[in-house]
Protein backbone atom coordinates (compact mmCIF):
# COMPACT_ATOMS: atom_id res chain seq x y z
CA UNK A 1 -4.87 -2.05 -22.92
CA UNK A 2 -5.83 -5.70 -23.11
CA UNK A 3 -9.07 -6.80 -21.46
CA UNK A 4 -8.53 -6.61 -17.72
CA UNK A 5 -10.48 -7.89 -14.75
CA UNK A 6 -9.32 -6.26 -11.52
CA UNK A 7 -10.44 -7.71 -8.19
CA UNK A 8 -9.96 -5.35 -5.23
CA UNK A 9 -9.66 -7.57 -2.17
CA UNK A 10 -10.46 -6.99 1.48
CA UNK A 11 -7.39 -6.49 3.68
CA UNK A 12 -7.15 -9.11 6.43
CA UNK A 13 -5.16 -6.87 8.77
CA UNK A 14 -7.65 -5.18 11.09
CA UNK A 15 -5.68 -1.91 11.18
CA UNK A 16 -5.42 -1.61 7.41
CA UNK A 17 -7.78 1.18 6.38
CA UNK A 18 -6.18 2.10 3.05
CA UNK A 19 -7.03 1.05 -0.47
CA UNK A 20 -4.90 1.05 -3.64
CA UNK A 21 -7.85 2.34 -5.70
CA UNK A 22 -10.29 4.99 -4.47
CA UNK A 23 -13.85 5.25 -5.84
CA UNK A 24 -13.08 8.26 -8.05
CA UNK A 25 -10.36 6.31 -9.84
CA UNK A 26 -12.50 3.17 -9.88
CA UNK A 27 -14.94 5.09 -12.09
CA UNK A 28 -12.12 5.94 -14.49
CA UNK A 29 -11.13 2.27 -14.69
CA UNK A 30 -14.69 1.17 -15.42
CA UNK A 31 -15.11 3.91 -18.03
CA UNK A 32 -11.93 2.64 -19.69
CA UNK A 33 -13.42 -0.85 -20.04
CA UNK A 34 -11.88 -2.53 -17.00
CA UNK A 35 -14.09 -5.10 -15.28
CA UNK A 36 -13.85 -4.17 -11.61
CA UNK A 37 -14.89 -6.39 -8.72
CA UNK A 38 -14.65 -4.99 -5.19
CA UNK A 39 -14.89 -7.00 -2.01
CA UNK A 40 -16.81 -5.71 0.96
CA UNK A 41 -14.46 -4.54 3.71
CA UNK A 42 -15.69 -3.14 7.02
CA UNK A 43 -12.53 -1.18 7.82
CA UNK A 44 -11.74 0.24 4.38
CA UNK A 45 -11.94 4.05 4.51
CA UNK A 46 -14.28 4.04 1.51
CA UNK A 47 -17.55 2.13 1.65
CA UNK A 48 -18.52 -0.56 -0.85
CA UNK A 49 -21.51 1.48 -2.02
CA UNK A 50 -19.12 4.16 -3.28
CA UNK A 51 -17.46 1.61 -5.56
CA UNK A 52 -20.82 0.25 -6.62
CA UNK A 53 -21.85 3.76 -7.65
CA UNK A 54 -18.65 3.91 -9.71
CA UNK A 55 -19.71 0.82 -11.66
CA UNK A 56 -17.97 -1.97 -9.72
CA UNK A 57 -19.52 -5.29 -8.81
CA UNK A 58 -19.56 -5.88 -5.03
CA UNK A 59 -18.79 -9.33 -3.61
CA UNK A 60 -18.16 -10.74 -0.11
CA UNK A 61 -14.82 -10.28 1.61
CA UNK A 62 -12.31 -13.02 0.85
CA UNK A 63 -14.08 -14.31 -2.26
CA UNK A 64 -11.01 -13.69 -4.41
CA UNK A 65 -9.96 -17.28 -3.79
CA UNK A 66 -12.69 -18.39 -6.23
CA UNK A 67 -12.25 -15.51 -8.68
CA UNK A 68 -11.86 -16.37 -12.38
CA UNK A 69 -8.29 -17.47 -13.11
CA UNK A 70 -7.63 -14.44 -15.33
CA UNK A 71 -8.60 -11.93 -12.62
CA UNK A 72 -5.81 -9.76 -11.22
CA UNK A 73 -6.14 -9.62 -7.43
CA UNK A 74 -5.28 -6.15 -6.13
CA UNK A 75 -4.42 -5.39 -2.50
CA UNK A 76 -1.83 -3.74 -0.29
CA UNK A 77 -0.63 -5.85 2.61
CA UNK A 78 -0.23 -9.54 3.42
CA UNK A 79 -2.47 -12.32 2.18
CA UNK A 80 -4.27 -14.68 4.55
CA UNK A 81 -2.42 -17.94 5.24
CA UNK A 82 -4.80 -19.92 3.04
CA UNK A 83 -5.06 -21.10 0.33
CA UNK A 84 -1.75 -22.91 0.23
CA UNK A 85 -1.59 -22.61 -3.57
CA UNK A 86 -1.97 -19.20 -5.21
CA UNK A 87 -3.22 -19.42 -8.78
CA UNK A 88 -3.88 -15.77 -9.65
CA UNK A 89 -1.76 -12.78 -10.48
CA UNK A 90 -1.57 -10.75 -7.25
CA UNK A 91 -0.61 -7.08 -6.99
CA UNK A 92 0.43 -6.01 -3.47
CA UNK A 93 3.46 -5.32 -1.27
CA UNK A 94 4.82 -8.81 -0.79
CA UNK A 95 8.02 -8.00 1.18
CA UNK A 96 9.47 -11.26 -0.10
CA UNK A 97 12.58 -10.42 -2.13
CA UNK A 98 15.07 -9.53 0.60
CA UNK A 99 14.93 -12.73 2.65
CA UNK A 100 12.38 -11.30 5.08
CA UNK A 101 10.72 -13.74 7.51
CA UNK A 102 8.03 -15.71 5.67
CA UNK A 103 9.31 -14.77 2.22
CA UNK A 104 10.13 -18.31 1.11
CA UNK A 105 6.74 -19.55 2.28
CA UNK A 106 4.87 -16.89 0.32
CA UNK A 107 6.83 -17.44 -2.87
CA UNK A 108 6.39 -21.18 -2.43
CA UNK A 109 2.61 -20.70 -2.45
CA UNK A 110 2.85 -18.90 -5.78
CA UNK A 111 5.11 -21.59 -7.20
CA UNK A 112 2.71 -24.32 -6.04
CA UNK A 113 -0.31 -22.71 -7.66
CA UNK A 114 1.29 -21.24 -10.76
CA UNK A 115 0.38 -17.70 -9.76
CA UNK A 116 2.45 -14.53 -9.96
CA UNK A 117 3.39 -11.83 -7.48
CA UNK A 118 3.55 -8.38 -9.07
CA UNK A 119 5.08 -6.58 -6.12
CA UNK A 120 4.17 -2.90 -5.91
CA UNK A 121 7.55 -2.08 -4.40
CA UNK A 122 9.12 -3.12 -7.72
CA UNK A 123 6.70 -1.28 -10.00
CA UNK A 124 9.33 1.11 -11.32
CA UNK A 125 10.16 3.23 -14.36
CA UNK A 126 13.13 2.79 -16.67
CA UNK A 127 15.39 4.51 -14.12
CA UNK A 128 14.25 2.28 -11.27
CA UNK A 129 12.08 4.93 -9.58
CA UNK A 130 8.94 3.77 -7.82
CA UNK A 131 5.78 4.66 -9.73
CA UNK A 132 3.33 4.40 -6.82
CA UNK A 133 4.32 4.66 -3.18
CA UNK A 134 3.07 5.61 0.27
CA UNK A 135 6.48 6.93 1.26
CA UNK A 136 5.60 10.56 1.89
CA UNK A 137 2.84 9.67 4.34
CA UNK A 138 4.93 6.98 6.02
CA UNK A 139 7.65 9.54 6.70
CA UNK A 140 5.13 12.16 7.79
CA UNK A 141 3.54 9.85 10.32
CA UNK A 142 6.84 8.39 11.49
CA UNK A 143 8.04 11.87 12.40
CA UNK A 144 4.65 12.96 13.78
CA UNK A 145 4.43 10.04 16.18
CA UNK A 146 8.04 10.60 17.27
CA UNK A 147 7.31 14.25 18.05
CA UNK A 148 4.21 13.35 20.06
CA UNK A 149 6.08 10.63 21.95
CA UNK A 150 9.04 12.89 22.73
CA UNK A 151 6.71 15.62 23.95
CA UNK A 152 4.73 13.16 26.07
CA UNK A 153 1.52 13.49 24.06
CA UNK A 154 1.30 10.17 22.23
CA UNK A 155 -1.68 8.11 23.40
CA UNK A 156 -2.56 4.50 22.71
CA UNK A 157 -4.21 2.82 21.01
CA UNK A 158 -3.55 4.79 17.85
CA UNK A 159 -6.62 5.64 15.81
CA UNK A 160 -6.99 6.74 12.18
CA UNK A 161 -7.53 10.44 11.73
CA UNK A 162 -7.13 13.14 9.08
CA UNK A 163 -4.21 15.47 8.48
CA UNK A 164 -5.88 18.59 9.88
CA UNK A 165 -6.61 16.92 13.21
CA UNK A 166 -3.15 15.39 13.38
CA UNK A 167 -1.49 18.72 12.63
CA UNK A 168 -3.38 20.36 15.48
CA UNK A 169 -1.66 17.98 17.90
CA UNK A 170 1.77 18.65 16.35
CA UNK A 171 1.79 22.41 16.69
CA UNK A 172 4.22 23.49 19.37
CA UNK A 173 2.47 24.32 22.64
CA UNK A 174 3.62 26.58 25.48
CA UNK A 175 6.07 24.64 27.60
CA UNK A 176 7.29 22.37 24.80
CA UNK A 177 11.06 22.23 25.03
CA UNK A 178 13.43 22.36 22.09
CA UNK A 179 14.95 19.09 20.97
CA UNK A 180 17.36 18.04 18.25
CA UNK A 181 16.13 15.79 15.47
CA UNK A 182 17.72 13.85 12.63
CA UNK A 183 16.13 12.51 9.44
CA UNK A 184 18.24 9.82 7.77
CA UNK A 185 17.30 9.31 4.13
CA UNK A 186 16.06 12.88 4.01
CA UNK A 187 15.99 13.28 0.22
CA UNK A 188 13.57 10.45 -0.55
CA UNK A 189 9.78 10.40 -0.39
CA UNK A 190 9.70 9.29 3.24
CA UNK A 191 12.37 11.76 4.22
CA UNK A 192 10.46 14.58 2.61
CA UNK A 193 7.33 13.59 4.54
CA UNK A 194 9.28 13.50 7.79
CA UNK A 195 10.70 16.97 7.13
CA UNK A 196 7.22 18.40 6.49
CA UNK A 197 5.91 16.90 9.74
CA UNK A 198 8.83 18.35 11.68
CA UNK A 199 8.18 21.76 10.13
CA UNK A 200 4.56 21.57 11.26
CA UNK A 201 5.81 20.76 14.76
CA UNK A 202 8.21 23.71 14.76
CA UNK A 203 11.32 21.51 14.63
CA UNK A 204 14.26 22.09 12.27
CA UNK A 205 15.90 18.66 11.83
CA UNK A 206 19.34 17.78 10.59
CA UNK A 207 18.99 16.01 7.24
CA UNK A 208 21.29 13.20 6.17
CA UNK A 209 21.31 11.20 2.98
CA UNK A 210 23.85 9.20 0.99
CA UNK A 211 26.73 11.60 1.50
CA UNK A 212 26.38 11.50 5.28
CA UNK A 213 25.69 7.77 5.64
CA UNK A 214 28.44 6.66 3.29
CA UNK A 215 30.97 7.64 5.95
CA UNK A 216 28.72 7.51 9.00
CA UNK A 217 29.54 9.66 12.02
CA UNK A 218 27.81 7.46 14.60
CA UNK A 219 28.68 9.76 17.47
CA UNK A 220 26.94 12.65 15.72
CA UNK A 221 23.94 10.42 15.06
CA UNK A 222 23.65 9.43 18.71
CA UNK A 223 23.93 13.07 19.73
CA UNK A 224 20.36 13.80 18.56
CA UNK A 225 17.29 13.50 20.77
CA UNK A 226 15.06 12.07 18.02
CA UNK A 227 15.96 10.08 14.90
CA UNK A 228 13.73 9.09 11.98
CA UNK A 229 15.04 6.34 9.72
CA UNK A 230 13.73 6.62 6.16
CA UNK A 231 16.45 4.58 4.44
CA UNK A 232 15.39 1.56 2.42
CA UNK A 233 18.67 -0.25 1.83
CA UNK A 234 19.01 -2.36 -1.32
CA UNK A 235 22.55 -3.58 -0.62
CA UNK A 236 24.21 -4.44 2.71
CA UNK A 237 25.51 -1.41 4.61
CA UNK A 238 26.95 -1.08 8.13
CA UNK A 239 24.11 -0.62 10.63
CA UNK A 240 23.31 2.92 11.69
CA UNK A 241 22.57 1.94 15.30
CA UNK A 242 24.04 -1.15 16.99
CA UNK A 243 23.36 -2.92 20.27
CA UNK A 244 26.50 -1.43 21.79
CA UNK A 245 25.24 2.04 20.91
CA UNK A 246 22.12 1.47 23.00
CA UNK A 247 24.31 0.87 26.05
CA UNK A 248 26.48 3.93 25.48
CA UNK A 249 26.03 6.11 28.61
CA UNK A 250 26.80 9.20 26.51
CA UNK A 251 23.94 8.46 24.09
CA UNK A 252 21.61 11.44 23.76
CA UNK A 253 19.17 9.62 21.46
CA UNK A 254 15.86 9.07 23.25
CA UNK A 255 13.26 8.45 20.51
CA UNK A 256 13.90 6.27 17.46
CA UNK A 257 11.25 6.02 14.75
CA UNK A 258 11.92 3.41 12.07
CA UNK A 259 9.76 4.21 9.05
CA UNK A 260 11.36 1.52 6.91
CA UNK A 261 10.66 -1.39 9.30
CA UNK A 262 13.03 -3.80 7.56
CA UNK A 263 13.09 -5.99 10.67
CA UNK A 264 14.31 -9.52 10.00
CA UNK A 265 16.01 -8.61 6.72
CA UNK A 266 19.80 -8.86 6.40
CA UNK A 267 19.62 -5.36 4.88
CA UNK A 268 18.14 -3.85 8.04
CA UNK A 269 20.10 -0.74 9.04
CA UNK A 270 18.63 -0.78 12.58
CA UNK A 271 19.19 -4.37 13.79
CA UNK A 272 18.43 -3.47 17.42
CA UNK A 273 14.89 -4.88 17.59
CA UNK A 274 13.22 -8.09 16.47
CA UNK A 275 9.56 -7.17 15.99
CA UNK A 276 7.51 -4.19 14.93
CA UNK A 277 5.29 -2.18 17.24
CA UNK A 278 1.51 -2.08 16.90
CA UNK A 279 -1.32 0.43 16.99
CA UNK A 280 -2.36 -0.94 20.37
CA UNK A 281 1.15 -0.52 21.78
CA UNK A 282 3.06 1.80 19.43
CA UNK A 283 6.13 2.42 21.59
CA UNK A 284 8.62 -0.10 22.94
CA UNK A 285 11.31 0.87 25.42
CA UNK A 286 14.60 -0.57 24.21
CA UNK A 287 16.64 0.72 27.15
CA UNK A 288 15.68 2.06 30.56
CA UNK A 289 18.83 4.06 31.24
CA UNK A 290 19.49 6.21 29.37
CA UNK A 291 15.91 5.73 28.10
CA UNK A 292 15.36 4.92 24.44
CA UNK A 293 11.90 4.47 22.93
CA UNK A 294 11.23 2.74 19.60
CA UNK A 295 8.36 3.33 17.19
CA UNK A 296 8.31 0.79 14.34
CA UNK A 297 4.86 0.49 12.76
CA UNK A 298 4.81 -1.08 9.31
CA UNK A 299 1.55 0.44 8.04
CA UNK A 300 1.91 4.03 9.20
CA UNK A 301 0.01 5.61 6.27
CA UNK A 302 -3.12 3.73 7.33
CA UNK A 303 -3.37 6.25 10.19
CA UNK A 304 -4.20 8.85 7.50
CA UNK A 305 -6.12 6.46 5.27
CA UNK A 306 -7.99 8.92 3.08
CA UNK A 307 -5.07 11.19 2.21
CA UNK A 308 -2.63 8.34 1.65
CA UNK A 309 -5.10 6.31 -0.43
CA UNK A 310 -5.97 9.31 -2.62
CA UNK A 311 -2.30 9.94 -3.42
CA UNK A 312 -1.42 6.30 -4.02
CA UNK A 313 -4.46 5.65 -6.19
CA UNK A 314 -3.72 8.68 -8.37
CA UNK A 315 -0.22 7.34 -9.01
CA UNK A 316 -1.29 3.73 -9.58
CA UNK A 317 -4.21 4.49 -11.91
CA UNK A 318 -2.11 5.22 -15.05
CA UNK A 319 -0.21 1.98 -14.52
CA UNK A 320 -3.44 -0.02 -14.26
CA UNK A 321 -4.80 1.66 -17.37
CA UNK A 322 -1.64 0.50 -19.16
CA UNK A 323 -1.55 -2.97 -17.61
CA UNK A 324 0.24 -5.46 -19.81
CA UNK A 325 3.12 -7.85 -20.29
CA UNK A 326 5.82 -5.24 -20.86
CA UNK A 327 7.05 -2.06 -19.25
CA UNK A 328 6.77 -1.67 -15.47
CA UNK A 329 4.55 -4.72 -15.07
CA UNK A 330 7.00 -6.80 -17.08
CA UNK A 331 9.76 -5.68 -14.73
CA UNK A 332 7.59 -6.76 -11.77
CA UNK A 333 7.13 -10.18 -13.34
CA UNK A 334 10.84 -10.53 -14.07
CA UNK A 335 11.74 -9.66 -10.47
CA UNK A 336 9.30 -12.31 -9.25
CA UNK A 337 10.86 -14.92 -11.51
CA UNK A 338 14.33 -13.96 -10.30
CA UNK A 339 13.27 -14.32 -6.66
CA UNK A 340 11.80 -17.76 -7.38
CA UNK A 341 14.98 -18.88 -9.12
CA UNK A 342 17.08 -17.69 -6.20
CA UNK A 343 15.04 -19.99 -3.93
CA UNK A 344 15.09 -22.88 -6.41
CA UNK A 345 11.34 -22.59 -7.02
CA UNK A 346 9.48 -23.10 -10.26
CA UNK A 347 7.67 -20.01 -11.48
CA UNK A 348 4.89 -21.46 -13.61
CA UNK A 349 2.63 -18.47 -14.10
CA UNK A 350 -1.06 -17.98 -14.89
CA UNK A 351 -0.90 -15.67 -17.88
CA UNK A 352 0.82 -12.50 -19.04
CA UNK A 353 2.03 -9.77 -16.68
């Protein structure tokens, strides 16, 4: 591995409790010769002193803007709106390659500063499989919240917890009625998480994947009480639920949980809402009669921040220890360059990988 300076930044979103690198794995990076700088962050599930004990240097939140040019800035969710020009290599989930709202603006900031986006969604192996993902926990929580909402036990605002406490609320209680559930995208990471949550809740869902969605039986879909969408479309497909389906008086569907949250993208398979829901108000009623409730939270795993961070960090660590210009990181860089070209932007970059 070439000499690497990683800079773990504070997350600006107040509900983001996760981290891409946990203290245990921070120690392994430092022992391998990585220079590790960690920003203070009041909401991060792990305290700064834990990283300091692992050998990291602690700096104030937001100081990455003045980090050395060769530092690789590591985060998870969106950057603050400033600076207008991004000069570093940034590793995070950019959500900027499928024409999502704000995508052109973000990529324009990289082009203006000569920086690079190494998007974690596109950190893949030779077969295109994601190497580090939060999918299992996103699916788990998407199904868990749907169960609690359908059973009338979901309370707001949502608060981070741990899996044992969450599972206690999912266990079927006397008086809980049976309901039918559907997981779409059931064979992926998110789908597997959703199925495990349903099992904890005593629910046996129908499971659909490519075979069932290729020739979609929309009437069968709408004939479930609860649906969890775990499909991350990469090419345009007919929507699973349409506006006219919401107004169908025969619709049985009452609770819709969209784990993917591809709102605003032309690849969105649920184009029936225009904004995500929040921790403060996690459920939006799309129709009053028949009622239909939507849950669409785009950082679900942050509700189980310790478990989800531990899993993600364990998967990301080998990639960071092998950080370089080729392999998965080279594919990330190439995808960034492609996205810039598609928008007619220059992609002058600040170094390898």
